[in-house]
Amino acid sequence: ALKMGLIADISEAAARQHTPKVAFVAAPQDYVSSSG
């Protein structure tokens, strides 16, 4: 959030929980979803 300019100080992140989001990506592989 700090690097994106969404907050001016790291302490401000606690009051801004909705944004930004964090996500992680990977190439396709087989898995079983939460419903089975």
All heavy atoms as atom14 arrays in JSON, in Angstrom:
{
  "sequence": "ALKMGLIADISEAAARQHTPKVAFVAAPQDYVSSSG",
  "atom14_mask": [
    [1, 1, 1, 1, 1, 0, 0, 0, 0, 0, 0, 0, 0, 0],
    [1, 1, 1, 1, 1, 1, 1, 1, 0, 0, 0, 0, 0, 0],
    [1, 1, 1, 1, 1, 1, 1, 1, 1, 0, 0, 0, 0, 0],
    [1, 1, 1, 1, 1, 1, 1, 1, 0, 0, 0, 0, 0, 0],
    [1, 1, 1, 1, 0, 0, 0, 0, 0, 0, 0, 0, 0, 0],
    [1, 1, 1, 1, 1, 1, 1, 1, 0, 0, 0, 0, 0, 0],
    [1, 1, 1, 1, 1, 1, 1, 1, 0, 0, 0, 0, 0, 0],
    [1, 1, 1, 1, 1, 0, 0, 0, 0, 0, 0, 0, 0, 0],
    [1, 1, 1, 1, 1, 1, 1, 1, 0, 0, 0, 0, 0, 0],
    [1, 1, 1, 1, 1, 1, 1, 1, 0, 0, 0, 0, 0, 0],
    [1, 1, 1, 1, 1, 1, 0, 0, 0, 0, 0, 0, 0, 0],
    [1, 1, 1, 1, 1, 1, 1, 1, 1, 0, 0, 0, 0, 0],
    [1, 1, 1, 1, 1, 0, 0, 0, 0, 0, 0, 0, 0, 0],
    [1, 1, 1, 1, 1, 0, 0, 0, 0, 0, 0, 0, 0, 0],
    [1, 1, 1, 1, 1, 0, 0, 0, 0, 0, 0, 0, 0, 0],
    [1, 1, 1, 1, 1, 1, 1, 1, 1, 1, 1, 0, 0, 0],
    [1, 1, 1, 1, 1, 1, 1, 1, 1, 0, 0, 0, 0, 0],
    [1, 1, 1, 1, 1, 1, 1, 1, 1, 1, 0, 0, 0, 0],
    [1, 1, 1, 1, 1, 1, 1, 0, 0, 0, 0, 0, 0, 0],
    [1, 1, 1, 1, 1, 1, 1, 0, 0, 0, 0, 0, 0, 0],
    [1, 1, 1, 1, 1, 1, 1, 1, 1, 0, 0, 0, 0, 0],
    [1, 1, 1, 1, 1, 1, 1, 0, 0, 0, 0, 0, 0, 0],
    [1, 1, 1, 1, 1, 0, 0, 0, 0, 0, 0, 0, 0, 0],
    [1, 1, 1, 1, 1, 1, 1, 1, 1, 1, 1, 0, 0, 0],
    [1, 1, 1, 1, 1, 1, 1, 0, 0, 0, 0, 0, 0, 0],
    [1, 1, 1, 1, 1, 0, 0, 0, 0, 0, 0, 0, 0, 0],
    [1, 1, 1, 1, 1, 0, 0, 0, 0, 0, 0, 0, 0, 0],
    [1, 1, 1, 1, 1, 1, 1, 0, 0, 0, 0, 0, 0, 0],
    [1, 1, 1, 1, 1, 1, 1, 1, 1, 0, 0, 0, 0, 0],
    [1, 1, 1, 1, 1, 1, 1, 1, 0, 0, 0, 0, 0, 0],
    [1, 1, 1, 1, 1, 1, 1, 1, 1, 1, 1, 1, 0, 0],
    [1, 1, 1, 1, 1, 1, 1, 0, 0, 0, 0, 0, 0, 0],
    [1, 1, 1, 1, 1, 1, 0, 0, 0, 0, 0, 0, 0, 0],
    [1, 1, 1, 1, 1, 1, 0, 0, 0, 0, 0, 0, 0, 0],
    [1, 1, 1, 1, 1, 1, 0, 0, 0, 0, 0, 0, 0, 0],
    [1, 1, 1, 1, 0, 0, 0, 0, 0, 0, 0, 0, 0, 0]
  ],
  "atom14_positions": [
    [[0.83, -1.21, 0.0], [0.0, 0.0, 0.0], [0.86, 1.25, 0.0], [0.57, 2.23, -0.7], [-0.92, -0.01, 1.22], [0.0, 0.0, 0.0], [0.0, 0.0, 0.0], [0.0, 0.0, 0.0], [0.0, 0.0, 0.0], [0.0, 0.0, 0.0], [0.0, 0.0, 0.0], [0.0, 0.0, 0.0], [0.0, 0.0, 0.0], [0.0, 0.0, 0.0]],
    [[1.94, 1.21, 0.76], [2.86, 2.35, 0.81], [3.52, 2.57, -0.55], [3.59, 3.71, -1.03], [3.91, 2.09, 1.89], [4.83, 3.26, 2.27], [4.03, 4.4, 2.89], [5.9, 2.78, 3.26], [0.0, 0.0, 0.0], [0.0, 0.0, 0.0], [0.0, 0.0, 0.0], [0.0, 0.0, 0.0], [0.0, 0.0, 0.0], [0.0, 0.0, 0.0]],
    [[3.96, 1.49, -1.18], [4.63, 1.62, -2.48], [3.66, 2.09, -3.57], [4.05, 2.79, -4.52], [5.27, 0.29, -2.88], [6.29, 0.4, -4.02], [7.05, -0.89, -4.21], [8.13, -0.78, -5.28], [9.29, 0.03, -4.84], [0.0, 0.0, 0.0], [0.0, 0.0, 0.0], [0.0, 0.0, 0.0], [0.0, 0.0, 0.0], [0.0, 0.0, 0.0]],
    [[2.38, 1.72, -3.42], [1.37, 2.14, -4.39], [0.89, 3.56, -4.17], [0.12, 4.1, -4.98], [0.17, 1.18, -4.35], [0.49, -0.23, -4.78], [-0.93, -1.35, -4.65], [-1.81, -0.97, -6.17], [0.0, 0.0, 0.0], [0.0, 0.0, 0.0], [0.0, 0.0, 0.0], [0.0, 0.0, 0.0], [0.0, 0.0, 0.0], [0.0, 0.0, 0.0]],
    [[1.3, 4.17, -3.07], [0.88, 5.54, -2.77], [-0.51, 5.63, -2.17], [-1.09, 6.72, -2.11], [0.0, 0.0, 0.0], [0.0, 0.0, 0.0], [0.0, 0.0, 0.0], [0.0, 0.0, 0.0], [0.0, 0.0, 0.0], [0.0, 0.0, 0.0], [0.0, 0.0, 0.0], [0.0, 0.0, 0.0], [0.0, 0.0, 0.0], [0.0, 0.0, 0.0]],
    [[-1.05, 4.5, -1.7], [-2.39, 4.5, -1.11], [-2.36, 5.02, 0.32], [-3.38, 5.5, 0.84], [-2.98, 3.09, -1.14], [-3.18, 2.5, -2.54], [-3.59, 1.04, -2.44], [-4.22, 3.29, -3.31], [0.0, 0.0, 0.0], [0.0, 0.0, 0.0], [0.0, 0.0, 0.0], [0.0, 0.0, 0.0], [0.0, 0.0, 0.0], [0.0, 0.0, 0.0]],
    [[-1.23, 4.9, 0.98], [-1.04, 5.44, 2.33], [0.28, 6.19, 2.35], [1.17, 5.94, 1.54], [-1.06, 4.33, 3.41], [0.03, 3.28, 3.13], [-2.43, 3.67, 3.5], [0.15, 2.21, 4.21], [0.0, 0.0, 0.0], [0.0, 0.0, 0.0], [0.0, 0.0, 0.0], [0.0, 0.0, 0.0], [0.0, 0.0, 0.0], [0.0, 0.0, 0.0]],
    [[0.39, 7.13, 3.28], [1.61, 7.93, 3.4], [2.55, 7.38, 4.45], [3.75, 7.66, 4.45], [1.27, 9.38, 3.71], [0.0, 0.0, 0.0], [0.0, 0.0, 0.0], [0.0, 0.0, 0.0], [0.0, 0.0, 0.0], [0.0, 0.0, 0.0], [0.0, 0.0, 0.0], [0.0, 0.0, 0.0], [0.0, 0.0, 0.0], [0.0, 0.0, 0.0]],
    [[2.0, 6.59, 5.38], [2.79, 6.02, 6.46], [2.3, 4.6, 6.73], [1.1, 4.32, 6.63], [2.65, 6.88, 7.74], [3.56, 6.38, 8.85], [4.74, 6.8, 8.9], [3.1, 5.57, 9.67], [0.0, 0.0, 0.0], [0.0, 0.0, 0.0], [0.0, 0.0, 0.0], [0.0, 0.0, 0.0], [0.0, 0.0, 0.0], [0.0, 0.0, 0.0]],
    [[3.21, 3.72, 7.07], [2.88, 2.3, 7.25], [1.8, 2.09, 8.31], [1.0, 1.15, 8.23], [4.17, 1.49, 7.58], [3.98, 0.03, 7.17], [4.57, 1.63, 9.02], [4.0, -0.19, 5.69], [0.0, 0.0, 0.0], [0.0, 0.0, 0.0], [0.0, 0.0, 0.0], [0.0, 0.0, 0.0], [0.0, 0.0, 0.0], [0.0, 0.0, 0.0]],
    [[1.71, 2.99, 9.28], [0.73, 2.86, 10.36], [-0.7, 3.03, 9.86], [-1.65, 2.61, 10.53], [1.02, 3.89, 11.45], [0.88, 5.21, 10.94], [0.0, 0.0, 0.0], [0.0, 0.0, 0.0], [0.0, 0.0, 0.0], [0.0, 0.0, 0.0], [0.0, 0.0, 0.0], [0.0, 0.0, 0.0], [0.0, 0.0, 0.0], [0.0, 0.0, 0.0]],
    [[-0.88, 3.64, 8.69], [-2.22, 3.91, 8.18], [-2.89, 2.66, 7.63], [-4.11, 2.63, 7.43], [-2.16, 4.98, 7.09], [-1.66, 6.34, 7.57], [-1.44, 7.3, 6.41], [-2.03, 7.08, 5.33], [-0.68, 8.27, 6.57], [0.0, 0.0, 0.0], [0.0, 0.0, 0.0], [0.0, 0.0, 0.0], [0.0, 0.0, 0.0], [0.0, 0.0, 0.0]],
    [[-2.13, 1.6, 7.37], [-2.69, 0.39, 6.76], [-3.75, -0.26, 7.65], [-4.72, -0.84, 7.14], [-1.58, -0.6, 6.45], [0.0, 0.0, 0.0], [0.0, 0.0, 0.0], [0.0, 0.0, 0.0], [0.0, 0.0, 0.0], [0.0, 0.0, 0.0], [0.0, 0.0, 0.0], [0.0, 0.0, 0.0], [0.0, 0.0, 0.0], [0.0, 0.0, 0.0]],
    [[-3.59, -0.17, 8.95], [-4.52, -0.83, 9.88], [-5.94, -0.3, 9.74], [-6.91, -1.02, 9.97], [-4.03, -0.67, 11.31], [0.0, 0.0, 0.0], [0.0, 0.0, 0.0], [0.0, 0.0, 0.0], [0.0, 0.0, 0.0], [0.0, 0.0, 0.0], [0.0, 0.0, 0.0], [0.0, 0.0, 0.0], [0.0, 0.0, 0.0], [0.0, 0.0, 0.0]],
    [[-6.07, 0.98, 9.38], [-7.39, 1.59, 9.24], [-7.91, 1.52, 7.8], [-8.93, 2.11, 7.48], [-7.35, 3.04, 9.7], [0.0, 0.0, 0.0], [0.0, 0.0, 0.0], [0.0, 0.0, 0.0], [0.0, 0.0, 0.0], [0.0, 0.0, 0.0], [0.0, 0.0, 0.0], [0.0, 0.0, 0.0], [0.0, 0.0, 0.0], [0.0, 0.0, 0.0]],
    [[-7.18, 0.81, 6.97], [-7.57, 0.68, 5.56], [-7.49, -0.8, 5.19], [-6.66, -1.24, 4.41], [-6.63, 1.52, 4.69], [-7.08, 1.64, 3.24], [-6.01, 2.3, 2.38], [-6.39, 2.24, 1.0], [-6.78, 3.29, 0.27], [-6.79, 4.49, 0.8], [-7.13, 3.14, -1.0], [0.0, 0.0, 0.0], [0.0, 0.0, 0.0], [0.0, 0.0, 0.0]],
    [[-8.41, -1.58, 5.75], [-8.34, -3.03, 5.6], [-8.88, -3.53, 4.27], [-8.49, -4.59, 3.78], [-9.12, -3.7, 6.74], [-8.43, -3.6, 8.09], [-7.17, -4.45, 8.16], [-7.22, -5.65, 7.96], [-6.05, -3.82, 8.44], [0.0, 0.0, 0.0], [0.0, 0.0, 0.0], [0.0, 0.0, 0.0], [0.0, 0.0, 0.0], [0.0, 0.0, 0.0]],
    [[-9.78, -2.79, 3.65], [-10.43, -3.26, 2.42], [-9.51, -3.17, 1.21], [-9.6, -3.97, 0.28], [-11.71, -2.47, 2.18], [-12.53, -2.95, 1.02], [-12.93, -4.26, 0.89], [-13.03, -2.29, -0.06], [-13.64, -4.39, -0.23], [-13.72, -3.21, -0.82], [0.0, 0.0, 0.0], [0.0, 0.0, 0.0], [0.0, 0.0, 0.0], [0.0, 0.0, 0.0]],
    [[-8.63, -2.17, 1.21], [-7.7, -1.99, 0.09], [-6.32, -1.66, 0.61], [-6.19, -1.0, 1.65], [-8.17, -0.84, -0.85], [-8.28, 0.37, -0.1], [-9.49, -1.18, -1.5], [0.0, 0.0, 0.0], [0.0, 0.0, 0.0], [0.0, 0.0, 0.0], [0.0, 0.0, 0.0], [0.0, 0.0, 0.0], [0.0, 0.0, 0.0], [0.0, 0.0, 0.0]],
    [[-5.27, -2.1, -0.11], [-5.31, -2.96, -1.29], [-5.49, -4.43, -0.91], [-5.37, -4.8, 0.27], [-3.92, -2.74, -1.91], [-3.04, -2.5, -0.72], [-3.88, -1.7, 0.24], [0.0, 0.0, 0.0], [0.0, 0.0, 0.0], [0.0, 0.0, 0.0], [0.0, 0.0, 0.0], [0.0, 0.0, 0.0], [0.0, 0.0, 0.0], [0.0, 0.0, 0.0]],
    [[-5.75, -5.25, -1.92], [-5.8, -6.69, -1.73], [-4.43, -7.3, -1.99], [-3.6, -6.71, -2.68], [-6.81, -7.33, -2.69], [-8.23, -6.79, -2.59], [-8.82, -7.0, -1.21], [-10.29, -6.61, -1.19], [-10.84, -6.58, 0.19], [0.0, 0.0, 0.0], [0.0, 0.0, 0.0], [0.0, 0.0, 0.0], [0.0, 0.0, 0.0], [0.0, 0.0, 0.0]],
    [[-4.21, -8.49, -1.42], [-3.0, -9.26, -1.72], [-3.43, -10.58, -2.36], [-4.36, -11.24, -1.87], [-2.18, -9.57, -0.45], [-0.96, -10.41, -0.8], [-1.75, -8.3, 0.23], [0.0, 0.0, 0.0], [0.0, 0.0, 0.0], [0.0, 0.0, 0.0], [0.0, 0.0, 0.0], [0.0, 0.0, 0.0], [0.0, 0.0, 0.0], [0.0, 0.0, 0.0]],
    [[-2.79, -10.94, -3.46], [-3.1, -12.19, -4.14], [-1.8, -12.85, -4.6], [-0.79, -12.17, -4.82], [-4.02, -11.95, -5.32], [0.0, 0.0, 0.0], [0.0, 0.0, 0.0], [0.0, 0.0, 0.0], [0.0, 0.0, 0.0], [0.0, 0.0, 0.0], [0.0, 0.0, 0.0], [0.0, 0.0, 0.0], [0.0, 0.0, 0.0], [0.0, 0.0, 0.0]],
    [[-1.83, -14.17, -4.74], [-0.65, -14.86, -5.27], [-1.07, -15.81, -6.39], [-2.17, -16.37, -6.38], [0.17, -15.56, -4.19], [-0.58, -16.5, -3.27], [-0.62, -17.86, -3.53], [-1.21, -16.02, -2.12], [-1.27, -18.73, -2.68], [-1.86, -16.89, -1.26], [-1.9, -18.25, -1.54], [0.0, 0.0, 0.0], [0.0, 0.0, 0.0], [0.0, 0.0, 0.0]],
    [[-0.17, -15.92, -7.37], [-0.5, -16.63, -8.62], [0.48, -17.77, -8.86], [1.61, -17.77, -8.37], [-0.47, -15.66, -9.82], [-1.5, -14.55, -9.64], [0.91, -15.07, -10.04], [0.0, 0.0, 0.0], [0.0, 0.0, 0.0], [0.0, 0.0, 0.0], [0.0, 0.0, 0.0], [0.0, 0.0, 0.0], [0.0, 0.0, 0.0], [0.0, 0.0, 0.0]],
    [[0.01, -18.74, -9.64], [0.85, -19.88, -10.02], [0.36, -20.43, -11.34], [-0.79, -20.2, -11.74], [0.8, -20.97, -8.94], [0.0, 0.0, 0.0], [0.0, 0.0, 0.0], [0.0, 0.0, 0.0], [0.0, 0.0, 0.0], [0.0, 0.0, 0.0], [0.0, 0.0, 0.0], [0.0, 0.0, 0.0], [0.0, 0.0, 0.0], [0.0, 0.0, 0.0]],
    [[1.23, -21.17, -12.02], [0.84, -21.84, -13.25], [-0.18, -22.94, -12.95], [-0.28, -23.41, -11.81], [2.08, -22.43, -13.93], [0.0, 0.0, 0.0], [0.0, 0.0, 0.0], [0.0, 0.0, 0.0], [0.0, 0.0, 0.0], [0.0, 0.0, 0.0], [0.0, 0.0, 0.0], [0.0, 0.0, 0.0], [0.0, 0.0, 0.0], [0.0, 0.0, 0.0]],
    [[-0.94, -23.38, -13.93], [-1.98, -24.39, -13.7], [-1.42, -25.69, -13.14], [-0.34, -26.14, -13.53], [-2.58, -24.61, -15.09], [-2.27, -23.38, -15.85], [-0.94, -22.91, -15.32], [0.0, 0.0, 0.0], [0.0, 0.0, 0.0], [0.0, 0.0, 0.0], [0.0, 0.0, 0.0], [0.0, 0.0, 0.0], [0.0, 0.0, 0.0], [0.0, 0.0, 0.0]],
    [[-2.17, -26.29, -12.23], [-1.92, -27.65, -11.76], [-3.22, -28.2, -11.21], [-4.16, -27.47, -10.91], [-0.81, -27.69, -10.72], [-1.0, -26.8, -9.52], [0.19, -26.85, -8.58], [0.54, -27.9, -8.04], [0.85, -25.71, -8.39], [0.0, 0.0, 0.0], [0.0, 0.0, 0.0], [0.0, 0.0, 0.0], [0.0, 0.0, 0.0], [0.0, 0.0, 0.0]],
    [[-3.29, -29.52, -11.1], [-4.5, -30.16, -10.58], [-4.64, -29.88, -9.09], [-3.66, -29.83, -8.35], [-4.42, -31.68, -10.78], [-4.36, -32.09, -12.25], [-4.67, -31.26, -13.11], [-3.98, -33.25, -12.5], [0.0, 0.0, 0.0], [0.0, 0.0, 0.0], [0.0, 0.0, 0.0], [0.0, 0.0, 0.0], [0.0, 0.0, 0.0], [0.0, 0.0, 0.0]],
    [[-5.9, -29.7, -8.65], [-6.18, -29.62, -7.21], [-7.65, -29.95, -6.98], [-8.43, -30.07, -7.93], [-5.82, -28.25, -6.63], [-6.7, -27.1, -7.08], [-7.76, -26.64, -6.3], [-6.46, -26.44, -8.29], [-8.55, -25.57, -6.7], [-7.24, -25.37, -8.7], [-8.29, -24.94, -7.9], [-9.07, -23.89, -8.3], [0.0, 0.0, 0.0], [0.0, 0.0, 0.0]],
    [[-7.99, -30.12, -5.73], [-9.38, -30.39, -5.37], [-9.93, -29.15, -4.67], [-9.34, -28.67, -3.7], [-9.5, -31.62, -4.46], [-10.95, -31.84, -4.03], [-8.98, -32.86, -5.19], [0.0, 0.0, 0.0], [0.0, 0.0, 0.0], [0.0, 0.0, 0.0], [0.0, 0.0, 0.0], [0.0, 0.0, 0.0], [0.0, 0.0, 0.0], [0.0, 0.0, 0.0]],
    [[-11.06, -28.62, -5.16], [-11.63, -27.4, -4.6], [-12.27, -27.68, -3.24], [-12.4, -28.83, -2.82], [-12.67, -26.82, -5.55], [-13.84, -27.64, -5.56], [0.0, 0.0, 0.0], [0.0, 0.0, 0.0], [0.0, 0.0, 0.0], [0.0, 0.0, 0.0], [0.0, 0.0, 0.0], [0.0, 0.0, 0.0], [0.0, 0.0, 0.0], [0.0, 0.0, 0.0]],
    [[-12.7, -26.63, -2.58], [-13.24, -26.75, -1.22], [-14.53, -27.57, -1.18], [-14.88, -28.13, -0.13], [-13.49, -25.37, -0.63], [-14.33, -24.61, -1.48], [0.0, 0.0, 0.0], [0.0, 0.0, 0.0], [0.0, 0.0, 0.0], [0.0, 0.0, 0.0], [0.0, 0.0, 0.0], [0.0, 0.0, 0.0], [0.0, 0.0, 0.0], [0.0, 0.0, 0.0]],
    [[-15.24, -27.69, -2.3], [-16.46, -28.48, -2.34], [-16.18, -29.95, -2.64], [-17.1, -30.77, -2.66], [-17.41, -27.94, -3.42], [-16.86, -28.14, -4.71], [0.0, 0.0, 0.0], [0.0, 0.0, 0.0], [0.0, 0.0, 0.0], [0.0, 0.0, 0.0], [0.0, 0.0, 0.0], [0.0, 0.0, 0.0], [0.0, 0.0, 0.0], [0.0, 0.0, 0.0]],
    [[-14.91, -30.27, -2.9], [-14.54, -31.63, -3.28], [-14.51, -31.85, -4.78], [-14.14, -32.93, -5.26], [0.0, 0.0, 0.0], [0.0, 0.0, 0.0], [0.0, 0.0, 0.0], [0.0, 0.0, 0.0], [0.0, 0.0, 0.0], [0.0, 0.0, 0.0], [0.0, 0.0, 0.0], [0.0, 0.0, 0.0], [0.0, 0.0, 0.0], [0.0, 0.0, 0.0]]
  ]
}
